[in-house]
Amino acid sequence: MSLSSTYRFCPQCTRPLTVMPVGGRDRLCCDDARCGFVLWDNPVPVVAAVVEHEGKIILARNVAWPRHFYALITGFLEAGESPEIGVQREVEEELGLEPLGANFIGLYDFFRKNQLLIAYHVPARGTVKLNEELDDWKHVAFDDVVYWPAGTGYALRDWLQRQGYSPREGESPNIRS
């Protein structure tokens, strides 16, 4: 666990949190025995979509990202929602496309943001209509994909390799959002 969490005070009783060993790891905890709060800091589930549209891959740019960086469609899994439904919802919400299913690619860690990425291939049809989260998008031919060596980039690489392609590795972007 990264003890540089944004939590400084107990969300239950407001006392300052301290580092204590719990469950074999150092964790941020409330030292008030009546409260007993432990910040487990479990990873957040995030769905990621390799969107196939008109025979190409769609890569999109978040409004907060550098102009040169495009990536997969991603989003947080909602409570009570299966990953298959969640990833299709994200494709519909962010791109305005009709998803035609979701085929599991794999699980990928994204330690920097404490996320577990659940990646799917999502074929889709329709006309792209970006929502407010995205600034731009592009079609990329399977042969021209350059993947980034982190998180969703590995999902894209793995899916393309299973399709018989040999994607090239690019640089990881320096994105803070």
N, C-alpha and C. Protein backbone atom coordinates (compact mmCIF):
# COMPACT_ATOMS: atom_id res chain seq x y z
N MET A 1 0.85 -1.19 0.00
CA MET A 1 0.00 0.00 0.00
C MET A 1 0.88 1.24 0.00
N SER A 2 0.45 2.20 -0.71
CA SER A 2 1.12 3.49 -0.68
C SER A 2 0.60 4.27 0.52
N LEU A 3 1.47 4.53 1.47
CA LEU A 3 1.03 5.25 2.65
C LEU A 3 0.95 6.75 2.41
N SER A 4 1.10 7.16 1.16
CA SER A 4 0.95 8.57 0.82
C SER A 4 -0.49 8.85 0.40
N SER A 5 -1.42 8.12 0.97
CA SER A 5 -2.83 8.26 0.67
C SER A 5 -3.29 9.69 0.92
N THR A 6 -4.38 10.05 0.27
CA THR A 6 -4.96 11.37 0.50
C THR A 6 -5.70 11.41 1.83
N TYR A 7 -5.93 10.25 2.44
CA TYR A 7 -6.56 10.20 3.76
C TYR A 7 -5.57 10.63 4.82
N ARG A 8 -5.94 11.58 5.64
CA ARG A 8 -5.12 12.02 6.76
C ARG A 8 -5.87 11.82 8.08
N PHE A 9 -7.20 11.86 7.99
CA PHE A 9 -8.04 11.77 9.18
C PHE A 9 -9.07 10.66 9.00
N CYS A 10 -9.46 10.08 10.09
CA CYS A 10 -10.44 9.00 10.10
C CYS A 10 -11.78 9.51 9.56
N PRO A 11 -12.37 8.84 8.57
CA PRO A 11 -13.66 9.29 8.04
C PRO A 11 -14.83 8.95 8.98
N GLN A 12 -14.54 8.19 10.05
CA GLN A 12 -15.61 7.83 10.99
C GLN A 12 -15.61 8.72 12.23
N CYS A 13 -14.41 9.03 12.77
CA CYS A 13 -14.37 9.80 14.02
C CYS A 13 -13.51 11.06 13.93
N THR A 14 -12.86 11.30 12.83
CA THR A 14 -12.06 12.49 12.50
C THR A 14 -10.71 12.58 13.20
N ARG A 15 -10.30 11.55 13.94
CA ARG A 15 -8.97 11.56 14.56
C ARG A 15 -7.90 11.38 13.47
N PRO A 16 -6.69 11.85 13.70
CA PRO A 16 -5.61 11.63 12.73
C PRO A 16 -5.34 10.13 12.56
N LEU A 17 -5.09 9.72 11.34
CA LEU A 17 -4.75 8.32 11.06
C LEU A 17 -3.26 8.10 11.33
N THR A 18 -2.92 6.91 11.77
CA THR A 18 -1.53 6.54 12.02
C THR A 18 -1.23 5.23 11.30
N VAL A 19 0.04 4.98 11.06
CA VAL A 19 0.46 3.75 10.41
C VAL A 19 0.61 2.65 11.46
N MET A 20 -0.09 1.53 11.20
CA MET A 20 -0.01 0.38 12.11
C MET A 20 -0.01 -0.90 11.28
N PRO A 21 0.64 -1.96 11.79
CA PRO A 21 0.60 -3.23 11.06
C PRO A 21 -0.76 -3.92 11.26
N VAL A 22 -1.42 -4.21 10.15
CA VAL A 22 -2.71 -4.92 10.16
C VAL A 22 -2.71 -5.88 8.98
N GLY A 23 -3.02 -7.13 9.24
CA GLY A 23 -3.10 -8.10 8.14
C GLY A 23 -1.79 -8.31 7.43
N GLY A 24 -0.67 -8.16 8.14
CA GLY A 24 0.63 -8.40 7.54
C GLY A 24 1.19 -7.23 6.75
N ARG A 25 0.54 -6.06 6.81
CA ARG A 25 1.01 -4.88 6.09
C ARG A 25 0.84 -3.64 6.95
N ASP A 26 1.62 -2.64 6.64
CA ASP A 26 1.42 -1.34 7.28
C ASP A 26 0.22 -0.68 6.62
N ARG A 27 -0.71 -0.22 7.46
CA ARG A 27 -1.92 0.41 6.95
C ARG A 27 -2.21 1.67 7.76
N LEU A 28 -2.93 2.59 7.15
CA LEU A 28 -3.40 3.77 7.87
C LEU A 28 -4.60 3.36 8.70
N CYS A 29 -4.56 3.67 10.01
CA CYS A 29 -5.60 3.24 10.94
C CYS A 29 -5.92 4.35 11.92
N CYS A 30 -7.10 4.23 12.49
CA CYS A 30 -7.48 5.09 13.60
C CYS A 30 -6.98 4.41 14.87
N ASP A 31 -6.28 5.15 15.71
CA ASP A 31 -5.73 4.54 16.92
C ASP A 31 -6.71 4.56 18.08
N ASP A 32 -7.92 5.04 17.86
CA ASP A 32 -8.96 5.01 18.89
C ASP A 32 -9.61 3.63 18.86
N ALA A 33 -9.44 2.85 19.93
CA ALA A 33 -9.94 1.47 19.99
C ALA A 33 -11.47 1.42 19.84
N ARG A 34 -12.17 2.48 20.22
CA ARG A 34 -13.64 2.49 20.07
C ARG A 34 -14.03 2.61 18.61
N CYS A 35 -13.17 3.18 17.79
CA CYS A 35 -13.48 3.37 16.37
C CYS A 35 -12.98 2.18 15.55
N GLY A 36 -11.66 1.97 15.55
CA GLY A 36 -11.08 0.82 14.87
C GLY A 36 -11.03 0.89 13.36
N PHE A 37 -11.19 2.07 12.78
CA PHE A 37 -11.15 2.18 11.31
C PHE A 37 -9.79 1.77 10.75
N VAL A 38 -9.82 1.00 9.65
CA VAL A 38 -8.62 0.62 8.91
C VAL A 38 -8.83 1.01 7.46
N LEU A 39 -7.90 1.73 6.87
CA LEU A 39 -7.96 2.06 5.45
C LEU A 39 -7.33 0.89 4.69
N TRP A 40 -8.16 0.05 4.11
CA TRP A 40 -7.67 -1.13 3.41
C TRP A 40 -7.08 -0.75 2.06
N ASP A 41 -7.54 0.34 1.48
CA ASP A 41 -7.00 0.85 0.21
C ASP A 41 -7.02 -0.20 -0.90
N ASN A 42 -8.14 -0.91 -1.02
CA ASN A 42 -8.28 -1.93 -2.06
C ASN A 42 -8.34 -1.29 -3.44
N PRO A 43 -7.84 -1.99 -4.46
CA PRO A 43 -7.89 -1.44 -5.81
C PRO A 43 -9.33 -1.21 -6.29
N VAL A 44 -9.49 -0.21 -7.12
CA VAL A 44 -10.79 0.14 -7.68
C VAL A 44 -10.94 -0.58 -9.03
N PRO A 45 -12.07 -1.27 -9.26
CA PRO A 45 -12.26 -1.93 -10.55
C PRO A 45 -12.61 -0.92 -11.65
N VAL A 46 -11.87 -1.01 -12.75
CA VAL A 46 -12.08 -0.14 -13.90
C VAL A 46 -12.19 -1.03 -15.14
N VAL A 47 -13.18 -0.77 -15.99
CA VAL A 47 -13.31 -1.52 -17.23
C VAL A 47 -12.62 -0.75 -18.35
N ALA A 48 -12.05 -1.52 -19.29
CA ALA A 48 -11.36 -0.93 -20.44
C ALA A 48 -11.83 -1.63 -21.70
N ALA A 49 -12.03 -0.86 -22.77
CA ALA A 49 -12.55 -1.42 -24.02
C ALA A 49 -11.58 -1.20 -25.18
N VAL A 50 -11.19 -2.31 -25.81
CA VAL A 50 -10.56 -2.25 -27.13
C VAL A 50 -11.75 -2.21 -28.09
N VAL A 51 -12.11 -1.02 -28.56
CA VAL A 51 -13.29 -0.85 -29.39
C VAL A 51 -12.91 -1.07 -30.85
N GLU A 52 -13.57 -2.07 -31.45
CA GLU A 52 -13.38 -2.33 -32.88
C GLU A 52 -14.59 -1.73 -33.61
N HIS A 53 -14.29 -0.83 -34.56
CA HIS A 53 -15.34 -0.08 -35.26
C HIS A 53 -14.90 0.10 -36.71
N GLU A 54 -15.74 -0.34 -37.62
CA GLU A 54 -15.46 -0.22 -39.05
C GLU A 54 -14.11 -0.82 -39.42
N GLY A 55 -13.77 -1.95 -38.80
CA GLY A 55 -12.54 -2.68 -39.14
C GLY A 55 -11.27 -2.07 -38.58
N LYS A 56 -11.39 -1.13 -37.66
CA LYS A 56 -10.23 -0.48 -37.04
C LYS A 56 -10.45 -0.38 -35.53
N ILE A 57 -9.40 0.04 -34.84
CA ILE A 57 -9.47 0.28 -33.40
C ILE A 57 -9.74 1.77 -33.17
N ILE A 58 -10.61 2.06 -32.22
CA ILE A 58 -10.82 3.46 -31.82
C ILE A 58 -9.95 3.75 -30.61
N LEU A 59 -9.16 4.81 -30.72
CA LEU A 59 -8.42 5.35 -29.58
C LEU A 59 -8.95 6.77 -29.36
N ALA A 60 -9.05 7.14 -28.10
CA ALA A 60 -9.63 8.45 -27.77
C ALA A 60 -8.71 9.21 -26.81
N ARG A 61 -8.93 10.53 -26.78
CA ARG A 61 -8.14 11.38 -25.89
C ARG A 61 -9.07 12.04 -24.87
N ASN A 62 -8.74 11.87 -23.61
CA ASN A 62 -9.44 12.51 -22.51
C ASN A 62 -9.14 14.02 -22.57
N VAL A 63 -10.09 14.84 -22.13
CA VAL A 63 -9.91 16.29 -22.19
C VAL A 63 -8.71 16.78 -21.38
N ALA A 64 -8.29 16.01 -20.37
CA ALA A 64 -7.18 16.44 -19.51
C ALA A 64 -5.82 15.93 -19.97
N TRP A 65 -5.77 15.16 -21.04
CA TRP A 65 -4.51 14.54 -21.47
C TRP A 65 -3.74 15.40 -22.46
N PRO A 66 -2.45 15.12 -22.61
CA PRO A 66 -1.65 15.82 -23.63
C PRO A 66 -2.22 15.58 -25.02
N ARG A 67 -2.01 16.52 -25.92
CA ARG A 67 -2.57 16.47 -27.28
C ARG A 67 -2.15 15.23 -28.06
N HIS A 68 -1.01 14.67 -27.77
CA HIS A 68 -0.50 13.55 -28.57
C HIS A 68 -0.93 12.18 -28.06
N PHE A 69 -1.59 12.11 -26.90
CA PHE A 69 -1.88 10.79 -26.33
C PHE A 69 -3.34 10.37 -26.50
N TYR A 70 -3.51 9.20 -27.07
CA TYR A 70 -4.82 8.56 -27.25
C TYR A 70 -4.76 7.19 -26.60
N ALA A 71 -5.87 6.74 -26.05
CA ALA A 71 -5.88 5.45 -25.36
C ALA A 71 -7.25 4.78 -25.52
N LEU A 72 -7.44 3.70 -24.78
CA LEU A 72 -8.69 2.95 -24.81
C LEU A 72 -9.78 3.69 -24.04
N ILE A 73 -11.00 3.28 -24.29
CA ILE A 73 -12.15 3.77 -23.53
C ILE A 73 -12.14 3.05 -22.19
N THR A 74 -12.23 3.80 -21.10
CA THR A 74 -12.22 3.21 -19.76
C THR A 74 -13.28 3.88 -18.91
N GLY A 75 -13.62 3.21 -17.81
CA GLY A 75 -14.56 3.80 -16.87
C GLY A 75 -14.70 2.95 -15.63
N PHE A 76 -15.23 3.55 -14.60
CA PHE A 76 -15.42 2.85 -13.34
C PHE A 76 -16.62 1.92 -13.43
N LEU A 77 -16.47 0.78 -12.84
CA LEU A 77 -17.55 -0.19 -12.74
C LEU A 77 -18.55 0.33 -11.72
N GLU A 78 -19.81 0.31 -12.04
CA GLU A 78 -20.86 0.78 -11.13
C GLU A 78 -21.25 -0.34 -10.17
N ALA A 79 -21.74 0.03 -9.00
CA ALA A 79 -22.21 -0.95 -8.02
C ALA A 79 -23.31 -1.81 -8.64
N GLY A 80 -23.21 -3.13 -8.46
CA GLY A 80 -24.22 -4.05 -8.96
C GLY A 80 -24.15 -4.32 -10.46
N GLU A 81 -23.13 -3.84 -11.11
CA GLU A 81 -23.00 -3.97 -12.56
C GLU A 81 -21.91 -5.00 -12.89
N SER A 82 -22.18 -5.89 -13.83
CA SER A 82 -21.15 -6.84 -14.24
C SER A 82 -20.13 -6.10 -15.11
N PRO A 83 -18.89 -6.57 -15.15
CA PRO A 83 -17.90 -5.92 -16.01
C PRO A 83 -18.32 -5.91 -17.49
N GLU A 84 -18.96 -6.98 -17.96
CA GLU A 84 -19.40 -7.05 -19.37
C GLU A 84 -20.40 -5.95 -19.68
N ILE A 85 -21.32 -5.72 -18.78
CA ILE A 85 -22.32 -4.65 -18.98
C ILE A 85 -21.65 -3.29 -18.82
N GLY A 86 -20.78 -3.15 -17.82
CA GLY A 86 -20.12 -1.86 -17.57
C GLY A 86 -19.28 -1.39 -18.73
N VAL A 87 -18.53 -2.28 -19.35
CA VAL A 87 -17.66 -1.86 -20.45
C VAL A 87 -18.50 -1.45 -21.67
N GLN A 88 -19.62 -2.14 -21.88
CA GLN A 88 -20.49 -1.75 -22.99
C GLN A 88 -21.18 -0.41 -22.71
N ARG A 89 -21.55 -0.18 -21.44
CA ARG A 89 -22.14 1.10 -21.06
C ARG A 89 -21.16 2.24 -21.32
N GLU A 90 -19.88 2.02 -20.96
CA GLU A 90 -18.86 3.06 -21.18
C GLU A 90 -18.70 3.38 -22.67
N VAL A 91 -18.69 2.36 -23.52
CA VAL A 91 -18.57 2.59 -24.96
C VAL A 91 -19.75 3.41 -25.47
N GLU A 92 -20.94 3.06 -24.99
CA GLU A 92 -22.13 3.80 -25.41
C GLU A 92 -22.10 5.24 -24.88
N GLU A 93 -21.75 5.42 -23.61
CA GLU A 93 -21.73 6.76 -23.01
C GLU A 93 -20.66 7.65 -23.61
N GLU A 94 -19.45 7.13 -23.76
CA GLU A 94 -18.33 7.97 -24.18
C GLU A 94 -18.22 8.16 -25.69
N LEU A 95 -18.63 7.15 -26.45
CA LEU A 95 -18.49 7.25 -27.92
C LEU A 95 -19.83 7.34 -28.65
N GLY A 96 -20.94 7.09 -27.96
CA GLY A 96 -22.24 7.12 -28.62
C GLY A 96 -22.45 5.97 -29.58
N LEU A 97 -21.66 4.92 -29.46
CA LEU A 97 -21.76 3.76 -30.35
C LEU A 97 -22.62 2.67 -29.72
N GLU A 98 -23.13 1.79 -30.57
CA GLU A 98 -23.87 0.62 -30.10
C GLU A 98 -22.90 -0.54 -29.93
N PRO A 99 -22.67 -0.98 -28.70
CA PRO A 99 -21.78 -2.13 -28.49
C PRO A 99 -22.47 -3.41 -28.93
N LEU A 100 -21.69 -4.32 -29.51
CA LEU A 100 -22.23 -5.58 -30.03
C LEU A 100 -21.75 -6.78 -29.22
N GLY A 101 -21.39 -6.55 -27.98
CA GLY A 101 -20.91 -7.62 -27.11
C GLY A 101 -19.62 -7.19 -26.42
N ALA A 102 -19.15 -8.08 -25.55
CA ALA A 102 -17.91 -7.82 -24.81
C ALA A 102 -17.19 -9.15 -24.63
N ASN A 103 -15.96 -9.22 -25.15
CA ASN A 103 -15.15 -10.44 -25.09
C ASN A 103 -13.94 -10.18 -24.20
N PHE A 104 -13.84 -10.93 -23.11
CA PHE A 104 -12.81 -10.73 -22.11
C PHE A 104 -11.40 -10.88 -22.70
N ILE A 105 -10.52 -9.91 -22.38
CA ILE A 105 -9.11 -9.96 -22.78
C ILE A 105 -8.25 -10.36 -21.60
N GLY A 106 -8.40 -9.67 -20.46
CA GLY A 106 -7.58 -9.99 -19.30
C GLY A 106 -7.69 -8.96 -18.21
N LEU A 107 -6.98 -9.24 -17.11
CA LEU A 107 -6.90 -8.33 -15.96
C LEU A 107 -5.52 -7.70 -15.93
N TYR A 108 -5.44 -6.42 -15.64
CA TYR A 108 -4.17 -5.68 -15.66
C TYR A 108 -4.13 -4.75 -14.46
N ASP A 109 -2.99 -4.70 -13.80
CA ASP A 109 -2.84 -3.78 -12.68
C ASP A 109 -2.46 -2.40 -13.20
N PHE A 110 -2.89 -1.41 -12.48
CA PHE A 110 -2.50 -0.04 -12.74
C PHE A 110 -2.21 0.57 -11.37
N PHE A 111 -1.04 0.22 -10.84
CA PHE A 111 -0.67 0.56 -9.47
C PHE A 111 -0.67 2.06 -9.21
N ARG A 112 -0.26 2.84 -10.21
CA ARG A 112 -0.15 4.29 -10.00
C ARG A 112 -1.47 4.90 -9.54
N LYS A 113 -2.58 4.35 -10.02
CA LYS A 113 -3.90 4.88 -9.64
C LYS A 113 -4.67 3.89 -8.77
N ASN A 114 -3.99 2.84 -8.28
CA ASN A 114 -4.60 1.81 -7.44
C ASN A 114 -5.86 1.25 -8.09
N GLN A 115 -5.72 0.83 -9.35
CA GLN A 115 -6.85 0.29 -10.10
C GLN A 115 -6.54 -1.11 -10.60
N LEU A 116 -7.61 -1.90 -10.73
CA LEU A 116 -7.55 -3.19 -11.40
C LEU A 116 -8.34 -3.02 -12.69
N LEU A 117 -7.65 -3.13 -13.83
CA LEU A 117 -8.27 -2.94 -15.13
C LEU A 117 -8.82 -4.27 -15.63
N ILE A 118 -10.08 -4.28 -16.01
CA ILE A 118 -10.76 -5.45 -16.55
C ILE A 118 -11.02 -5.14 -18.02
N ALA A 119 -10.23 -5.76 -18.90
CA ALA A 119 -10.23 -5.36 -20.31
C ALA A 119 -11.05 -6.31 -21.19
N TYR A 120 -11.76 -5.69 -22.15
CA TYR A 120 -12.61 -6.41 -23.09
C TYR A 120 -12.40 -5.89 -24.50
N HIS A 121 -12.63 -6.76 -25.47
CA HIS A 121 -12.77 -6.36 -26.86
C HIS A 121 -14.26 -6.10 -27.06
N VAL A 122 -14.59 -4.90 -27.56
CA VAL A 122 -15.99 -4.53 -27.77
C VAL A 122 -16.19 -4.10 -29.22
N PRO A 123 -16.74 -5.00 -30.06
CA PRO A 123 -17.11 -4.55 -31.40
C PRO A 123 -18.29 -3.59 -31.27
N ALA A 124 -18.31 -2.55 -32.12
CA ALA A 124 -19.37 -1.56 -32.01
C ALA A 124 -19.71 -1.01 -33.40
N ARG A 125 -20.93 -0.47 -33.49
CA ARG A 125 -21.36 0.15 -34.76
C ARG A 125 -22.06 1.47 -34.46
N GLY A 126 -22.15 2.27 -35.51
CA GLY A 126 -22.82 3.56 -35.38
C GLY A 126 -21.88 4.70 -35.71
N THR A 127 -22.33 5.90 -35.40
CA THR A 127 -21.56 7.11 -35.64
C THR A 127 -21.00 7.60 -34.32
N VAL A 128 -19.71 7.90 -34.29
CA VAL A 128 -19.07 8.35 -33.06
C VAL A 128 -19.59 9.73 -32.68
N LYS A 129 -20.03 9.85 -31.42
CA LYS A 129 -20.48 11.12 -30.84
C LYS A 129 -19.85 11.18 -29.45
N LEU A 130 -18.78 11.95 -29.31
CA LEU A 130 -18.05 12.02 -28.04
C LEU A 130 -18.85 12.69 -26.95
N ASN A 131 -18.69 12.19 -25.71
CA ASN A 131 -19.29 12.89 -24.58
C ASN A 131 -18.31 13.93 -24.05
N GLU A 132 -18.66 14.56 -22.94
CA GLU A 132 -17.86 15.68 -22.40
C GLU A 132 -16.50 15.24 -21.84
N GLU A 133 -16.30 13.94 -21.59
CA GLU A 133 -15.03 13.47 -21.04
C GLU A 133 -13.92 13.39 -22.10
N LEU A 134 -14.31 13.30 -23.36
CA LEU A 134 -13.34 13.09 -24.43
C LEU A 134 -13.21 14.31 -25.31
N ASP A 135 -11.99 14.54 -25.78
CA ASP A 135 -11.67 15.69 -26.61
C ASP A 135 -11.55 15.32 -28.09
N ASP A 136 -11.12 14.09 -28.38
CA ASP A 136 -10.88 13.68 -29.76
C ASP A 136 -10.83 12.15 -29.82
N TRP A 137 -10.89 11.63 -31.03
CA TRP A 137 -10.78 10.19 -31.25
C TRP A 137 -10.17 9.97 -32.62
N LYS A 138 -9.70 8.75 -32.85
CA LYS A 138 -9.18 8.39 -34.16
C LYS A 138 -9.32 6.89 -34.38
N HIS A 139 -9.45 6.54 -35.65
CA HIS A 139 -9.40 5.14 -36.07
C HIS A 139 -7.94 4.79 -36.31
N VAL A 140 -7.53 3.60 -35.88
CA VAL A 140 -6.16 3.13 -36.13
C VAL A 140 -6.26 1.72 -36.70
N ALA A 141 -5.62 1.50 -37.84
CA ALA A 141 -5.58 0.17 -38.42
C ALA A 141 -4.81 -0.77 -37.50
N PHE A 142 -5.22 -2.02 -37.45
CA PHE A 142 -4.57 -3.00 -36.56
C PHE A 142 -3.07 -3.01 -36.76
N ASP A 143 -2.62 -2.95 -38.00
CA ASP A 143 -1.18 -2.99 -38.30
C ASP A 143 -0.42 -1.75 -37.81
N ASP A 144 -1.14 -0.66 -37.59
CA ASP A 144 -0.49 0.61 -37.23
C ASP A 144 -0.52 0.93 -35.74
N VAL A 145 -1.10 0.05 -34.94
CA VAL A 145 -1.21 0.33 -33.51
C VAL A 145 0.15 0.32 -32.84
N VAL A 146 0.40 1.35 -32.05
CA VAL A 146 1.57 1.43 -31.17
C VAL A 146 1.00 1.44 -29.75
N TYR A 147 1.36 0.44 -28.96
CA TYR A 147 0.82 0.37 -27.60
C TYR A 147 1.78 1.03 -26.60
N TRP A 148 1.26 1.45 -25.48
CA TRP A 148 2.03 2.08 -24.41
C TRP A 148 2.28 1.00 -23.36
N PRO A 149 3.49 0.94 -22.80
CA PRO A 149 3.83 -0.14 -21.87
C PRO A 149 3.34 0.09 -20.44
N ALA A 150 2.03 0.08 -20.29
CA ALA A 150 1.40 0.22 -18.98
C ALA A 150 -0.08 -0.12 -19.13
N GLY A 151 -0.69 -0.58 -18.06
CA GLY A 151 -2.13 -0.78 -17.95
C GLY A 151 -2.86 -1.17 -19.21
N THR A 152 -3.68 -0.26 -19.73
CA THR A 152 -4.51 -0.56 -20.89
C THR A 152 -3.69 -0.81 -22.16
N GLY A 153 -2.49 -0.28 -22.21
CA GLY A 153 -1.62 -0.56 -23.36
C GLY A 153 -1.31 -2.04 -23.49
N TYR A 154 -1.12 -2.69 -22.35
CA TYR A 154 -0.87 -4.14 -22.37
C TYR A 154 -2.10 -4.91 -22.84
N ALA A 155 -3.28 -4.46 -22.47
CA ALA A 155 -4.51 -5.11 -22.93
C ALA A 155 -4.63 -4.99 -24.44
N LEU A 156 -4.35 -3.82 -24.98
CA LEU A 156 -4.39 -3.61 -26.42
C LEU A 156 -3.37 -4.51 -27.12
N ARG A 157 -2.15 -4.54 -26.59
CA ARG A 157 -1.11 -5.41 -27.15
C ARG A 157 -1.54 -6.88 -27.16
N ASP A 158 -2.04 -7.34 -26.02
CA ASP A 158 -2.43 -8.75 -25.91
C ASP A 158 -3.54 -9.11 -26.88
N TRP A 159 -4.55 -8.25 -27.01
CA TRP A 159 -5.64 -8.55 -27.93
C TRP A 159 -5.12 -8.60 -29.38
N LEU A 160 -4.31 -7.62 -29.75
CA LEU A 160 -3.77 -7.61 -31.12
C LEU A 160 -2.90 -8.84 -31.40
N GLN A 161 -2.09 -9.23 -30.44
CA GLN A 161 -1.26 -10.43 -30.64
C GLN A 161 -2.12 -11.67 -30.83
N ARG A 162 -3.22 -11.77 -30.11
CA ARG A 162 -4.13 -12.92 -30.28
C ARG A 162 -4.80 -12.92 -31.65
N GLN A 163 -4.85 -11.75 -32.27
CA GLN A 163 -5.42 -11.65 -33.62
C GLN A 163 -4.36 -11.87 -34.70
N GLY A 164 -3.10 -12.10 -34.28
CA GLY A 164 -2.02 -12.36 -35.23
C GLY A 164 -1.19 -11.15 -35.61
N TYR A 165 -1.38 -10.03 -34.92
CA TYR A 165 -0.63 -8.81 -35.22
C TYR A 165 0.57 -8.68 -34.27
N SER A 166 1.53 -7.87 -34.66
CA SER A 166 2.73 -7.61 -33.84
C SER A 166 2.84 -6.11 -33.58
N PRO A 167 2.07 -5.61 -32.62
CA PRO A 167 2.10 -4.17 -32.36
C PRO A 167 3.45 -3.73 -31.80
N ARG A 168 3.81 -2.50 -32.13
CA ARG A 168 5.07 -1.92 -31.64
C ARG A 168 4.83 -1.22 -30.31
N GLU A 169 5.85 -1.26 -29.46
CA GLU A 169 5.78 -0.57 -28.18
C GLU A 169 6.17 0.89 -28.35
N GLY A 170 5.37 1.77 -27.77
CA GLY A 170 5.69 3.19 -27.79
C GLY A 170 6.11 3.63 -26.40
N GLU A 171 5.98 4.92 -26.15
CA GLU A 171 6.36 5.48 -24.85
C GLU A 171 5.15 5.60 -23.95
N SER A 172 5.38 5.47 -22.65
CA SER A 172 4.30 5.72 -21.69
C SER A 172 4.13 7.23 -21.55
N PRO A 173 2.91 7.69 -21.58
CA PRO A 173 2.68 9.13 -21.40
C PRO A 173 2.84 9.52 -19.95
N ASN A 174 3.10 10.76 -19.71
CA ASN A 174 3.18 11.29 -18.36
C ASN A 174 1.86 12.00 -18.08
N ILE A 175 0.86 11.20 -17.63
CA ILE A 175 -0.47 11.73 -17.41
C ILE A 175 -0.78 11.71 -15.95
N ARG A 176 -1.28 12.81 -15.43
CA ARG A 176 -1.59 12.91 -13.99
C ARG A 176 -3.07 12.73 -13.70
N SER A 177 -3.92 12.75 -14.69
CA SER A 177 -5.37 12.64 -14.40
C SER A 177 -5.83 11.22 -14.37
